[in-house]
Amino acid sequence: MRPRILFVVERFHTNLWEATRALNAAEIDVAVWGSGSGKTEDHSVVAPRLFPQDADPGAFRAAWDALKPDLVILRNVARHRRAVARLARASGTPMWFYDLNPYHWREPLKRRLTRRFQGLPLRRVTPVLGLDATIPPSRDARYIPWPVMAAPDAAPCDADTRNGREVTVLCVAKLHNPRKNHGMVIDALRAQGRAGKVRLLLAGTIGDPVQHAAQVAALQEVASAEPWLELHANVPFKQMPELYRRADICILPSVREPLGFAPVESMAYGCVPVISTDAGSAGYVRHGENGLHVDVTRPGAVEDVLASLLDDAALRHRLGAAALATAQGDLGAERFVTRMRALLQESGVTV
C-alpha cells in the first residue's frame, strides 16, 4: 500500500508544488490541508483542502477518517495544527513539526516545553540549513530542503546566448513589502550607471490592493518612467519559468526573510542566485561556488556583488553551471524523495 503523508499548512505555498509532484511520482500519496489560498498557487498536482477558521471538529474527524494518513507534518503557523495533532495523537499517527528555524540552531527549552503543553510534536523538520555550521543541531531536528522543478531546457547562465543583448537581473519578492528591498537593487544599478544597459525584472505579489496601494504605485511609477525596468505583478507559479529563463542573475536582498525560495528555483534554469545572508535560503548556496551571498546591511554591498557578476561573464557562467548542477543533484526530486523516505522509515512507516 502506498504511504500517505498529510501536510498541514496555512496555505499551499509554491514550494510545495514540486515536492508533492515528486512524492506522487514516487508512489507516495500526499494530501494538503490549509485555511487559505493565494492567487499565484498551482493546484494541478494536489489541490489543498481548506477548512474555515471556525471549522467544526467533526469536519476534521470525517476528513481524517477518509484519508487515514501514515505521517503528519504540521507547519508551525498552520491555523489548524492543534486540531489535527489531537487526531494524530488519538490514532497513534507519527507527527513532525515543520518550521523555518535553521537546522543549525539550538531550540530553546521553553519553546519545546510550549509545544509539549500544546500537544504538538517535539521532532521537527526544516528546509533551512543556517549559515553557522558550528552550532550542533538538536537530535530531534531533520534538514530536508525543498526540491526545485527540473527545467529540461536549462543551460548555465550566459548573457550572450540567453538574450543576445543586456544582462538580465531578476528580483522576486512581495512588491508591497519594504523589507524586500526592491529599491536597493534599483539604486545599486543606477549608481553603477547601468540603467538602460542592464534589464531588471521585479516580480511578486501586490498584497492587499487598498492597504498596499502606495507601495505598489511607487514601483509602478518608476517602472513606467524607466524602460530598462519591468514590473511583473501576481505572476502565477506556472508562469515563473518564463522569467527564470530570461534572467542571468536572481537576487533576493530581503531582511528578516525566513526562507525566500525564488533564487533557489532559478538555479534549475542556470541562473546565478544572489541571496541575502538574512534569508533562510542562503544556506542553499555555497558562496563563490554555486552562487553568492550578500550582507545587505553593509553599505554598497548590493552594488558590489552585482558589479562582480555584471562585469565578469566567465564568473556568471561558472556559478550558473554550478547552480544548475546543484538543482539537478542535491535539490532535485530524486534526492528529496530519498530524504522523505528516510523520514517515513524513521517514523515507523513502511515504504
Protein backbone atom coordinates (compact mmCIF):
# COMPACT_ATOMS: atom_id res chain seq x y z
CA MET A 1 0.00 0.00 0.00
CA ARG A 2 1.26 3.49 -0.85
CA PRO A 3 2.18 5.54 2.24
CA ARG A 4 0.16 8.71 2.80
CA ILE A 5 1.64 11.99 4.05
CA LEU A 6 -0.53 14.85 5.28
CA PHE A 7 0.91 18.38 5.22
CA VAL A 8 -0.99 20.82 7.43
CA VAL A 9 -0.16 24.36 6.36
CA GLU A 10 -1.60 27.85 6.44
CA ARG A 11 -1.75 27.93 2.67
CA PHE A 12 -0.35 25.98 -0.27
CA HIS A 13 2.98 27.72 -0.77
CA THR A 14 4.54 27.43 -4.21
CA ASN A 15 7.47 25.38 -2.92
CA LEU A 16 5.00 22.58 -2.14
CA TRP A 17 4.23 22.04 -5.82
CA GLU A 18 7.41 20.25 -6.84
CA ALA A 19 7.51 18.41 -3.51
CA THR A 20 4.02 16.97 -3.96
CA ARG A 21 4.71 16.14 -7.61
CA ALA A 22 7.93 14.31 -6.73
CA LEU A 23 6.31 12.32 -3.93
CA ASN A 24 3.31 11.32 -6.02
CA ALA A 25 5.62 10.23 -8.84
CA ALA A 26 7.46 8.06 -6.30
CA GLU A 27 4.16 6.39 -5.28
CA ILE A 28 3.84 8.31 -2.02
CA ASP A 29 0.40 9.89 -1.70
CA VAL A 30 0.17 13.45 -0.45
CA ALA A 31 -2.69 15.50 0.98
CA VAL A 32 -2.51 19.16 1.96
CA TRP A 33 -4.87 20.79 4.46
CA GLY A 34 -4.91 24.54 4.94
CA SER A 35 -7.05 27.53 5.84
CA GLY A 36 -6.45 29.90 2.94
CA SER A 37 -5.34 30.20 -0.67
CA GLY A 38 -3.22 32.64 -2.68
CA LYS A 39 -3.67 34.00 -6.20
CA THR A 40 -0.44 32.54 -7.61
CA GLU A 41 -0.79 28.95 -6.36
CA ASP A 42 -0.73 25.94 -8.67
CA HIS A 43 -3.07 23.11 -7.61
CA SER A 44 -2.56 20.98 -10.71
CA VAL A 45 -0.87 18.16 -8.76
CA VAL A 46 -2.53 18.34 -5.34
CA ALA A 47 -5.46 20.60 -4.50
CA PRO A 48 -5.40 21.64 -0.85
CA ARG A 49 -8.46 21.01 1.27
CA LEU A 50 -9.36 24.26 3.01
CA PHE A 51 -11.04 24.40 6.40
CA PRO A 52 -12.55 27.66 7.74
CA GLN A 53 -11.16 29.24 10.87
CA ASP A 54 -14.12 28.03 12.96
CA ALA A 55 -14.31 24.58 11.36
CA ASP A 56 -16.40 22.02 13.21
CA PRO A 57 -14.21 19.34 14.85
CA GLY A 58 -16.48 16.81 13.20
CA ALA A 59 -15.30 18.01 9.78
CA PHE A 60 -11.71 17.27 10.72
CA ARG A 61 -12.66 13.86 12.08
CA ALA A 62 -14.52 12.92 8.91
CA ALA A 63 -11.66 14.09 6.69
CA TRP A 64 -9.14 12.26 8.87
CA ASP A 65 -11.10 9.00 8.77
CA ALA A 66 -11.37 9.25 4.98
CA LEU A 67 -7.66 9.95 4.49
CA LYS A 68 -6.07 7.78 7.21
CA PRO A 69 -2.60 9.39 6.88
CA ASP A 70 0.51 7.46 7.84
CA LEU A 71 2.55 10.57 8.66
CA VAL A 72 1.62 14.16 9.51
CA ILE A 73 3.81 17.23 9.07
CA LEU A 74 2.46 20.27 10.92
CA ARG A 75 3.54 23.76 9.84
CA ASN A 76 4.21 25.90 12.91
CA VAL A 77 1.96 28.72 11.64
CA ALA A 78 -0.87 26.48 10.39
CA ARG A 79 -4.11 27.59 11.97
CA HIS A 80 -5.41 24.04 12.38
CA ARG A 81 -2.22 22.39 13.60
CA ARG A 82 -3.52 21.68 17.11
CA ALA A 83 -6.83 20.24 15.90
CA VAL A 84 -5.02 17.84 13.57
CA ALA A 85 -2.44 17.00 16.24
CA ARG A 86 -5.26 15.82 18.53
CA LEU A 87 -6.46 13.43 15.84
CA ALA A 88 -2.94 12.15 15.21
CA ARG A 89 -2.32 11.53 18.91
CA ALA A 90 -5.63 9.70 19.27
CA SER A 91 -4.82 7.39 16.37
CA GLY A 92 -1.12 6.97 17.16
CA THR A 93 -0.07 8.53 13.85
CA PRO A 94 3.52 9.85 13.86
CA MET A 95 3.92 13.62 13.58
CA TRP A 96 6.70 16.08 12.82
CA PHE A 97 6.67 19.82 13.43
CA TYR A 98 7.72 21.95 10.47
CA ASP A 99 9.20 25.42 10.88
CA LEU A 100 11.69 27.76 9.21
CA ASN A 101 14.15 27.94 12.05
CA PRO A 102 17.61 26.81 10.93
CA TYR A 103 18.77 23.25 11.31
CA HIS A 104 21.99 24.64 12.80
CA TRP A 105 20.16 26.31 15.69
CA ARG A 106 19.60 25.25 19.25
CA GLU A 107 15.91 25.40 20.03
CA PRO A 108 15.26 26.98 23.45
CA LEU A 109 13.87 24.65 26.08
CA LYS A 110 10.92 26.99 26.64
CA ARG A 111 9.77 26.55 23.04
CA ARG A 112 9.94 22.78 23.31
CA LEU A 113 8.00 22.79 26.57
CA THR A 114 5.36 25.02 24.98
CA ARG A 115 4.93 22.57 22.10
CA ARG A 116 4.64 19.67 24.51
CA PHE A 117 1.98 21.56 26.50
CA GLN A 118 0.05 22.25 23.27
CA GLY A 119 0.17 18.63 22.22
CA LEU A 120 2.45 19.31 19.26
CA PRO A 121 5.39 17.06 18.28
CA LEU A 122 8.88 17.79 19.57
CA ARG A 123 10.58 16.35 16.49
CA ARG A 124 10.89 19.00 13.80
CA VAL A 125 11.71 19.23 10.11
CA THR A 126 13.14 22.35 8.50
CA PRO A 127 14.18 23.33 4.95
CA VAL A 128 16.53 25.97 6.38
CA LEU A 129 20.12 24.92 6.95
CA GLY A 130 21.55 28.06 8.53
CA LEU A 131 24.93 29.60 7.80
CA ASP A 132 26.63 28.81 11.09
CA ALA A 133 27.51 25.12 10.86
CA THR A 134 29.44 25.31 14.14
CA ILE A 135 26.12 25.15 16.01
CA PRO A 136 25.19 21.49 16.54
CA PRO A 137 21.55 20.82 15.67
CA SER A 138 19.14 19.25 18.12
CA ARG A 139 18.95 15.48 17.92
CA ASP A 140 15.24 15.88 17.14
CA ALA A 141 15.80 18.14 14.09
CA ARG A 142 15.97 16.97 10.47
CA TYR A 143 17.07 19.08 7.49
CA ILE A 144 15.06 18.42 4.33
CA PRO A 145 15.42 21.14 1.68
CA TRP A 146 12.57 21.64 -0.76
CA PRO A 147 13.20 20.34 -4.28
CA VAL A 148 13.23 22.62 -7.30
CA MET A 149 11.39 21.98 -10.53
CA ALA A 150 13.51 20.39 -13.26
CA ALA A 151 13.95 22.55 -16.36
CA PRO A 152 14.57 20.34 -19.42
CA ASP A 153 15.94 23.24 -21.48
CA ALA A 154 18.15 24.67 -18.73
CA ALA A 155 21.64 25.92 -19.52
CA PRO A 156 24.29 27.74 -17.48
CA CYS A 157 23.94 31.50 -17.33
CA ASP A 158 25.44 33.22 -20.36
CA ALA A 159 24.11 36.62 -21.40
CA ASP A 160 25.29 36.22 -24.99
CA THR A 161 23.18 33.12 -25.56
CA ARG A 162 20.28 33.91 -23.24
CA ASN A 163 19.00 37.12 -24.75
CA GLY A 164 21.70 38.38 -27.08
CA ARG A 165 21.50 41.85 -25.54
CA GLU A 166 21.84 43.04 -21.98
CA VAL A 167 22.40 41.04 -18.83
CA THR A 168 19.09 40.49 -17.05
CA VAL A 169 18.65 40.67 -13.27
CA LEU A 170 15.54 39.22 -11.63
CA CYS A 171 14.24 40.05 -8.16
CA VAL A 172 11.24 38.04 -6.95
CA ALA A 173 9.63 39.20 -3.72
CA LYS A 174 6.39 40.72 -2.46
CA LEU A 175 6.15 44.05 -4.29
CA HIS A 176 4.35 45.71 -1.41
CA ASN A 177 6.79 44.80 1.36
CA PRO A 178 9.56 47.32 2.18
CA ARG A 179 11.81 44.69 3.80
CA LYS A 180 12.18 43.00 0.41
CA ASN A 181 14.42 45.93 -0.63
CA HIS A 182 13.49 46.24 -4.29
CA GLY A 183 14.69 49.84 -4.20
CA MET A 184 18.12 48.70 -3.06
CA VAL A 185 18.59 46.78 -6.32
CA ILE A 186 17.28 49.64 -8.45
CA ASP A 187 19.58 52.13 -6.71
CA ALA A 188 22.58 49.81 -6.99
CA LEU A 189 22.20 49.52 -10.75
CA ARG A 190 21.64 53.26 -11.15
CA ALA A 191 24.72 54.03 -9.07
CA GLN A 192 26.84 51.95 -11.43
CA GLY A 193 25.45 53.78 -14.44
CA ARG A 194 23.86 50.57 -15.67
CA ALA A 195 20.32 51.86 -16.10
CA GLY A 196 19.44 51.13 -19.71
CA LYS A 197 22.35 48.70 -20.09
CA VAL A 198 21.04 46.04 -17.73
CA ARG A 199 17.45 44.83 -17.66
CA LEU A 200 15.84 44.49 -14.23
CA LEU A 201 12.74 42.36 -13.72
CA LEU A 202 10.78 42.87 -10.50
CA ALA A 203 8.21 40.17 -9.83
CA GLY A 204 5.94 39.47 -6.89
CA THR A 205 2.51 39.75 -5.39
CA ILE A 206 0.93 43.13 -4.68
CA GLY A 207 -0.84 42.16 -1.47
CA ASP A 208 -3.98 43.97 -0.42
CA PRO A 209 -4.87 46.36 -3.28
CA VAL A 210 -6.07 49.02 -0.82
CA GLN A 211 -3.69 48.64 2.11
CA HIS A 212 -0.57 48.37 -0.06
CA ALA A 213 -1.62 50.69 -2.87
CA ALA A 214 1.01 53.36 -2.10
CA GLN A 215 3.99 50.99 -2.12
CA VAL A 216 2.95 49.30 -5.35
CA ALA A 217 2.10 52.60 -7.03
CA ALA A 218 5.59 53.92 -6.27
CA LEU A 219 7.18 50.91 -8.03
CA GLN A 220 4.78 51.23 -10.95
CA GLU A 221 5.73 54.88 -11.37
CA VAL A 222 9.42 54.01 -11.50
CA ALA A 223 8.84 51.18 -13.98
CA SER A 224 6.72 53.33 -16.29
CA ALA A 225 9.39 56.05 -16.36
CA GLU A 226 12.39 53.76 -16.87
CA PRO A 227 12.09 51.26 -19.74
CA TRP A 228 15.03 49.15 -18.50
CA LEU A 229 12.89 48.08 -15.55
CA GLU A 230 9.93 45.69 -15.88
CA LEU A 231 7.27 45.11 -13.24
CA HIS A 232 5.54 41.69 -13.19
CA ALA A 233 2.76 41.59 -10.60
CA ASN A 234 0.95 38.47 -9.37
CA VAL A 235 2.66 36.11 -11.80
CA PRO A 236 1.10 32.61 -11.47
CA PHE A 237 3.56 29.97 -10.30
CA LYS A 238 3.26 28.01 -13.55
CA GLN A 239 4.41 31.11 -15.50
CA MET A 240 7.50 31.81 -13.39
CA PRO A 241 9.77 29.65 -15.63
CA GLU A 242 9.35 32.28 -18.35
CA LEU A 243 11.06 34.84 -16.10
CA TYR A 244 13.74 32.42 -14.88
CA ARG A 245 14.67 31.60 -18.48
CA ARG A 246 15.15 35.29 -19.25
CA ALA A 247 17.28 36.02 -16.21
CA ASP A 248 21.03 35.67 -15.74
CA ILE A 249 21.04 36.66 -12.07
CA CYS A 250 18.30 36.20 -9.45
CA ILE A 251 18.80 38.36 -6.37
CA LEU A 252 16.98 38.33 -3.05
CA PRO A 253 18.08 41.33 -0.95
CA SER A 254 15.49 40.84 1.80
CA VAL A 255 15.97 41.18 5.54
CA ARG A 256 14.21 39.04 8.15
CA GLU A 257 13.40 36.53 5.40
CA PRO A 258 12.52 33.09 6.85
CA LEU A 259 13.20 31.27 3.57
CA GLY A 260 12.92 33.15 0.24
CA PHE A 261 12.82 30.41 -2.36
CA ALA A 262 12.74 32.15 -5.77
CA PRO A 263 16.55 32.33 -6.21
CA VAL A 264 16.73 28.62 -5.41
CA GLU A 265 14.06 27.86 -8.03
CA SER A 266 16.05 29.94 -10.54
CA MET A 267 19.06 27.63 -10.10
CA ALA A 268 17.21 24.98 -12.10
CA TYR A 269 17.47 27.33 -15.09
CA GLY A 270 21.19 28.03 -14.80
CA CYS A 271 20.59 31.37 -13.11
CA VAL A 272 23.12 32.73 -10.60
CA PRO A 273 21.47 33.07 -7.16
CA VAL A 274 22.46 36.07 -5.05
CA ILE A 275 20.90 35.73 -1.61
CA SER A 276 20.88 37.95 1.44
CA THR A 277 22.65 36.46 4.45
CA ASP A 278 19.49 37.39 6.36
CA ALA A 279 17.42 34.93 4.28
CA GLY A 280 16.89 31.28 5.17
CA SER A 281 17.63 30.15 1.62
CA ALA A 282 21.20 31.48 1.88
CA GLY A 283 22.14 28.04 3.21
CA TYR A 284 21.31 26.51 -0.18
CA VAL A 285 24.21 28.47 -1.69
CA ARG A 286 27.94 27.91 -1.18
CA HIS A 287 29.37 31.38 -1.61
CA GLY A 288 31.62 31.62 -4.63
CA GLU A 289 30.83 28.07 -5.75
CA ASN A 290 27.21 27.93 -6.90
CA GLY A 291 26.08 31.46 -6.12
CA LEU A 292 26.83 34.44 -3.90
CA HIS A 293 25.79 35.73 -0.50
CA VAL A 294 25.30 39.42 0.18
CA ASP A 295 25.13 41.22 3.52
CA VAL A 296 22.59 43.89 2.64
CA THR A 297 23.24 45.74 5.91
CA ARG A 298 26.69 46.70 4.63
CA PRO A 299 26.58 49.94 2.61
CA GLY A 300 27.36 49.29 -1.04
CA ALA A 301 27.20 45.50 -0.70
CA VAL A 302 24.42 45.01 -3.24
CA GLU A 303 26.17 47.32 -5.69
CA ASP A 304 29.45 45.42 -5.26
CA VAL A 305 28.00 41.92 -5.67
CA LEU A 306 26.05 42.87 -8.77
CA ALA A 307 29.07 44.59 -10.29
CA SER A 308 31.20 41.49 -9.76
CA LEU A 309 28.75 39.45 -11.82
CA LEU A 310 27.82 42.04 -14.43
CA ASP A 311 31.47 42.70 -15.28
CA ASP A 312 32.55 39.06 -15.47
CA ALA A 313 30.74 36.81 -17.94
CA ALA A 314 33.06 33.90 -17.10
CA LEU A 315 32.11 34.15 -13.41
CA ARG A 316 28.41 34.23 -14.30
CA HIS A 317 28.82 31.13 -16.45
CA ARG A 318 30.81 29.22 -13.81
CA LEU A 319 28.38 29.99 -10.99
CA GLY A 320 25.37 29.37 -13.22
CA ALA A 321 26.69 25.95 -14.22
CA ALA A 322 27.32 25.02 -10.58
CA ALA A 323 23.87 26.29 -9.59
CA LEU A 324 22.28 24.14 -12.28
CA ALA A 325 24.23 21.09 -11.11
CA THR A 326 23.08 21.70 -7.53
CA ALA A 327 19.45 22.00 -8.65
CA GLN A 328 19.67 18.77 -10.62
CA GLY A 329 21.51 16.92 -7.84
CA ASP A 330 21.16 17.79 -4.17
CA LEU A 331 18.00 19.86 -4.75
CA GLY A 332 16.48 17.52 -7.31
CA ALA A 333 13.31 15.48 -6.95
CA GLU A 334 15.15 12.17 -6.53
CA ARG A 335 17.20 13.42 -3.58
CA PHE A 336 14.11 14.92 -1.95
CA VAL A 337 12.20 11.65 -2.22
CA THR A 338 15.15 9.78 -0.68
CA ARG A 339 15.10 12.15 2.29
CA MET A 340 11.34 11.80 2.70
CA ARG A 341 11.53 8.02 2.53
CA ALA A 342 14.12 8.13 5.30
CA LEU A 343 11.77 10.31 7.38
CA LEU A 344 8.93 7.84 6.84
CA GLN A 345 11.12 4.92 7.86
CA GLU A 346 12.37 6.77 10.95
CA SER A 347 8.74 7.42 11.87
CA GLY A 348 7.95 3.71 11.65
CA VAL A 349 6.07 3.87 8.33
CA THR A 350 6.67 1.05 5.86
CA VAL A 351 7.80 2.30 2.44
